[in-house]
Amino acid sequence: MPKKVFFCIANQDMNDLRINVVRSHKITHDNHGGYFPPYLWEAATKSGDDSIRKLIDVQIQQSCVSAVLIGTNTYNQRWVKYEIFRSMKKGNKLLGIHINSIEGRDGRGKPLGPNPFSYLGFSYSPDGKEFIPHEYVDENWVPFKDMPVYKVREVPEQHRNKIFTLTKIAKTYDWMADKGQVNFPQWIE
């Protein structure tokens, strides 16, 4: 049975042809890969942050892989950051896919956007029993305010009080250069 994939997508990319190329891949098309139709997102946005979190949480709970579709400004989108950290808490496999190299409506690609995994990190508490999400803002690592600290199985002392970027745990691919049409099923395994 195909894995259910949740797609982390920046709001401004929702109707972009590039994301549709990835979302419509046979492996996700057959199992209705997780993403929000724009009308659901708009309704949640009008209801406030708690509605947005609930919408995201329900979709992530029903998935086992989270793929961040990386466009030009994905790296600095608040809710993409939340989706990434929520996916980690749930235990989803996490990966990034650059989409700007896919031809757009104008028939051309664009320069790749910054990798959001370079701007997100985590640390463990001094006792090693809590996971603390961080984001890189103004050349400093600060706690990510939208995702609270949560309990984890105690980690060894050498892993405590250090920031680890998500580039250490999440692979990133380029849909065109890495032949996503063919290799996407292996990426999500």
Protein backbone atom coordinates (compact mmCIF):
# COMPACT_ATOMS: atom_id res chain seq x y z
CA MET A 1 0.00 0.00 0.00
CA PRO A 2 1.41 3.45 -0.90
CA LYS A 3 2.50 5.74 1.91
CA LYS A 4 0.31 8.73 2.69
CA VAL A 5 2.37 11.86 2.05
CA PHE A 6 1.61 15.23 3.62
CA PHE A 7 2.84 18.17 1.53
CA CYS A 8 4.16 21.23 3.35
CA ILE A 9 3.46 24.11 0.98
CA ALA A 10 3.89 27.88 1.35
CA ASN A 11 0.61 29.77 0.96
CA GLN A 12 1.74 31.75 -2.07
CA ASP A 13 2.58 28.49 -3.87
CA MET A 14 -0.86 26.88 -3.40
CA ASN A 15 -1.95 27.37 -7.01
CA ASP A 16 1.48 27.09 -8.59
CA LEU A 17 1.82 24.66 -11.48
CA ARG A 18 5.12 23.49 -9.99
CA ILE A 19 3.56 22.05 -6.83
CA ASN A 20 0.88 20.35 -8.89
CA VAL A 21 3.55 18.44 -10.80
CA VAL A 22 4.74 16.86 -7.55
CA ARG A 23 1.32 16.49 -5.89
CA SER A 24 -0.11 14.73 -8.91
CA HIS A 25 2.58 12.03 -9.00
CA LYS A 26 0.93 8.62 -9.36
CA ILE A 27 2.05 7.42 -5.92
CA THR A 28 0.36 10.34 -4.13
CA HIS A 29 -2.51 10.70 -6.56
CA ASP A 30 -3.62 7.12 -5.87
CA ASN A 31 -3.76 7.67 -2.09
CA HIS A 32 -4.85 11.31 -2.13
CA GLY A 33 -1.65 12.77 -0.74
CA GLY A 34 -2.30 15.30 1.99
CA TYR A 35 -2.64 18.94 1.11
CA PHE A 36 -5.29 21.56 1.63
CA PRO A 37 -7.50 22.87 -1.11
CA PRO A 38 -7.24 26.68 -0.96
CA TYR A 39 -10.82 27.07 0.30
CA LEU A 40 -10.08 24.95 3.42
CA TRP A 41 -6.97 26.97 4.17
CA GLU A 42 -8.84 30.25 3.72
CA ALA A 43 -11.65 29.12 6.05
CA ALA A 44 -9.16 28.07 8.74
CA THR A 45 -7.25 31.35 8.36
CA LYS A 46 -10.44 33.36 8.95
CA SER A 47 -11.12 31.34 12.12
CA GLY A 48 -7.68 31.95 13.60
CA ASP A 49 -4.46 30.19 14.57
CA ASP A 50 -6.12 27.36 16.52
CA SER A 51 -8.17 26.38 13.45
CA ILE A 52 -5.05 26.39 11.28
CA ARG A 53 -3.18 24.18 13.78
CA LYS A 54 -6.11 21.76 13.96
CA LEU A 55 -6.33 21.52 10.16
CA ILE A 56 -2.59 20.81 9.91
CA ASP A 57 -2.55 18.39 12.84
CA VAL A 58 -5.38 16.25 11.44
CA GLN A 59 -3.70 15.90 8.05
CA ILE A 60 -0.28 15.12 9.51
CA GLN A 61 -1.80 12.55 11.86
CA GLN A 62 -3.12 10.68 8.81
CA SER A 63 0.27 10.60 7.07
CA CYS A 64 3.62 8.91 7.55
CA VAL A 65 5.82 11.08 5.31
CA SER A 66 6.02 14.88 5.13
CA ALA A 67 7.47 16.42 1.96
CA VAL A 68 8.33 20.11 2.03
CA LEU A 69 7.86 21.55 -1.46
CA ILE A 70 10.54 24.25 -1.52
CA GLY A 71 9.74 27.36 -3.54
CA THR A 72 11.25 30.82 -3.39
CA ASN A 73 10.02 31.85 0.08
CA THR A 74 9.08 28.54 1.68
CA TYR A 75 11.93 28.78 4.19
CA ASN A 76 10.40 31.74 6.03
CA GLN A 77 6.73 30.72 6.13
CA ARG A 78 5.31 30.42 9.64
CA TRP A 79 2.92 27.53 8.96
CA VAL A 80 5.43 25.54 6.91
CA LYS A 81 7.75 25.72 9.93
CA TYR A 82 4.93 24.50 12.14
CA GLU A 83 4.13 21.66 9.70
CA ILE A 84 7.76 20.56 9.74
CA PHE A 85 8.03 20.51 13.53
CA ARG A 86 4.60 18.89 13.92
CA SER A 87 5.68 16.19 11.44
CA MET A 88 8.80 15.54 13.49
CA LYS A 89 6.79 15.24 16.70
CA LYS A 90 4.46 12.74 15.02
CA GLY A 91 7.46 10.74 13.73
CA ASN A 92 6.93 11.25 9.99
CA LYS A 93 9.80 10.79 7.61
CA LEU A 94 10.81 14.30 6.54
CA LEU A 95 12.23 15.39 3.19
CA GLY A 96 12.47 18.49 1.02
CA ILE A 97 11.87 18.83 -2.71
CA HIS A 98 13.01 21.91 -4.63
CA ILE A 99 10.27 22.80 -7.10
CA ASN A 100 11.58 25.99 -8.71
CA SER A 101 13.48 24.02 -11.36
CA ILE A 102 10.14 22.72 -12.72
CA GLU A 103 8.90 24.76 -15.66
CA GLY A 104 6.17 27.20 -14.70
CA ARG A 105 3.35 28.59 -16.82
CA ASP A 106 5.93 30.75 -18.58
CA GLY A 107 7.83 27.61 -19.65
CA ARG A 108 10.86 28.43 -17.50
CA GLY A 109 12.30 27.40 -14.17
CA LYS A 110 13.47 29.76 -11.44
CA PRO A 111 16.50 29.84 -9.13
CA LEU A 112 16.14 27.41 -6.23
CA GLY A 113 14.75 28.83 -3.00
CA PRO A 114 16.62 28.62 0.31
CA ASN A 115 16.39 25.27 2.10
CA PRO A 116 14.03 25.66 5.10
CA PHE A 117 15.90 22.89 6.95
CA SER A 118 18.90 25.24 7.17
CA TYR A 119 16.76 27.75 9.10
CA LEU A 120 15.20 25.28 11.53
CA GLY A 121 16.85 23.35 14.30
CA PHE A 122 16.32 21.78 17.67
CA SER A 123 17.99 21.21 20.97
CA TYR A 124 17.43 19.02 24.00
CA SER A 125 16.95 20.34 27.49
CA PRO A 126 19.77 20.12 30.07
CA ASP A 127 18.19 16.95 31.51
CA GLY A 128 17.83 15.47 28.00
CA LYS A 129 14.10 14.84 28.38
CA GLU A 130 12.63 17.67 26.29
CA PHE A 131 12.78 18.57 22.60
CA ILE A 132 13.02 22.31 21.94
CA PRO A 133 12.24 23.55 18.39
CA HIS A 134 14.30 26.52 17.13
CA GLU A 135 14.36 28.82 14.13
CA TYR A 136 17.17 31.00 12.78
CA VAL A 137 16.15 34.67 12.94
CA ASP A 138 18.41 37.69 12.47
CA GLU A 139 21.53 35.51 12.70
CA ASN A 140 20.45 33.92 16.00
CA TRP A 141 18.82 30.65 17.00
CA VAL A 142 15.63 31.35 18.96
CA PRO A 143 12.88 29.02 20.24
CA PHE A 144 10.11 28.54 17.67
CA LYS A 145 7.07 30.00 19.42
CA ASP A 146 4.37 28.09 17.49
CA MET A 147 5.54 24.64 18.57
CA PRO A 148 5.85 24.06 22.31
CA VAL A 149 8.62 22.08 23.94
CA TYR A 150 7.65 18.42 24.30
CA LYS A 151 8.82 15.35 26.19
CA VAL A 152 11.10 12.79 24.55
CA ARG A 153 12.96 9.71 25.65
CA GLU A 154 16.08 10.89 27.49
CA VAL A 155 19.00 11.59 25.16
CA PRO A 156 22.69 11.15 26.02
CA GLU A 157 24.49 14.07 27.66
CA GLN A 158 26.62 14.82 24.58
CA HIS A 159 23.44 15.77 22.62
CA ARG A 160 22.11 18.22 25.19
CA ASN A 161 22.28 22.02 25.01
CA LYS A 162 23.37 22.06 21.33
CA ILE A 163 21.45 23.24 18.29
CA PHE A 164 21.13 20.68 15.50
CA THR A 165 19.90 21.94 12.12
CA LEU A 166 17.29 19.88 10.34
CA THR A 167 19.71 19.45 7.43
CA LYS A 168 21.26 16.75 9.63
CA ILE A 169 18.08 14.64 9.55
CA ALA A 170 16.15 15.56 6.40
CA LYS A 171 17.32 14.90 2.86
CA THR A 172 16.59 17.45 0.15
CA TYR A 173 16.12 16.75 -3.55
CA ASP A 174 15.60 18.78 -6.71
CA TRP A 175 12.57 17.48 -8.63
CA MET A 176 14.18 17.99 -12.05
CA ALA A 177 17.90 17.38 -11.39
CA ASP A 178 17.20 14.31 -9.23
CA LYS A 179 14.53 12.91 -11.59
CA GLY A 180 11.62 13.14 -9.17
CA GLN A 181 9.11 11.70 -11.63
CA VAL A 182 11.05 8.42 -11.47
CA ASN A 183 12.67 8.55 -8.02
CA PHE A 184 9.94 10.02 -5.80
CA PRO A 185 8.73 6.57 -4.65
CA GLN A 186 12.25 5.79 -3.35
CA TRP A 187 12.53 9.19 -1.64
CA ILE A 188 9.47 8.53 0.51
CA GLU A 189 10.46 4.97 1.50
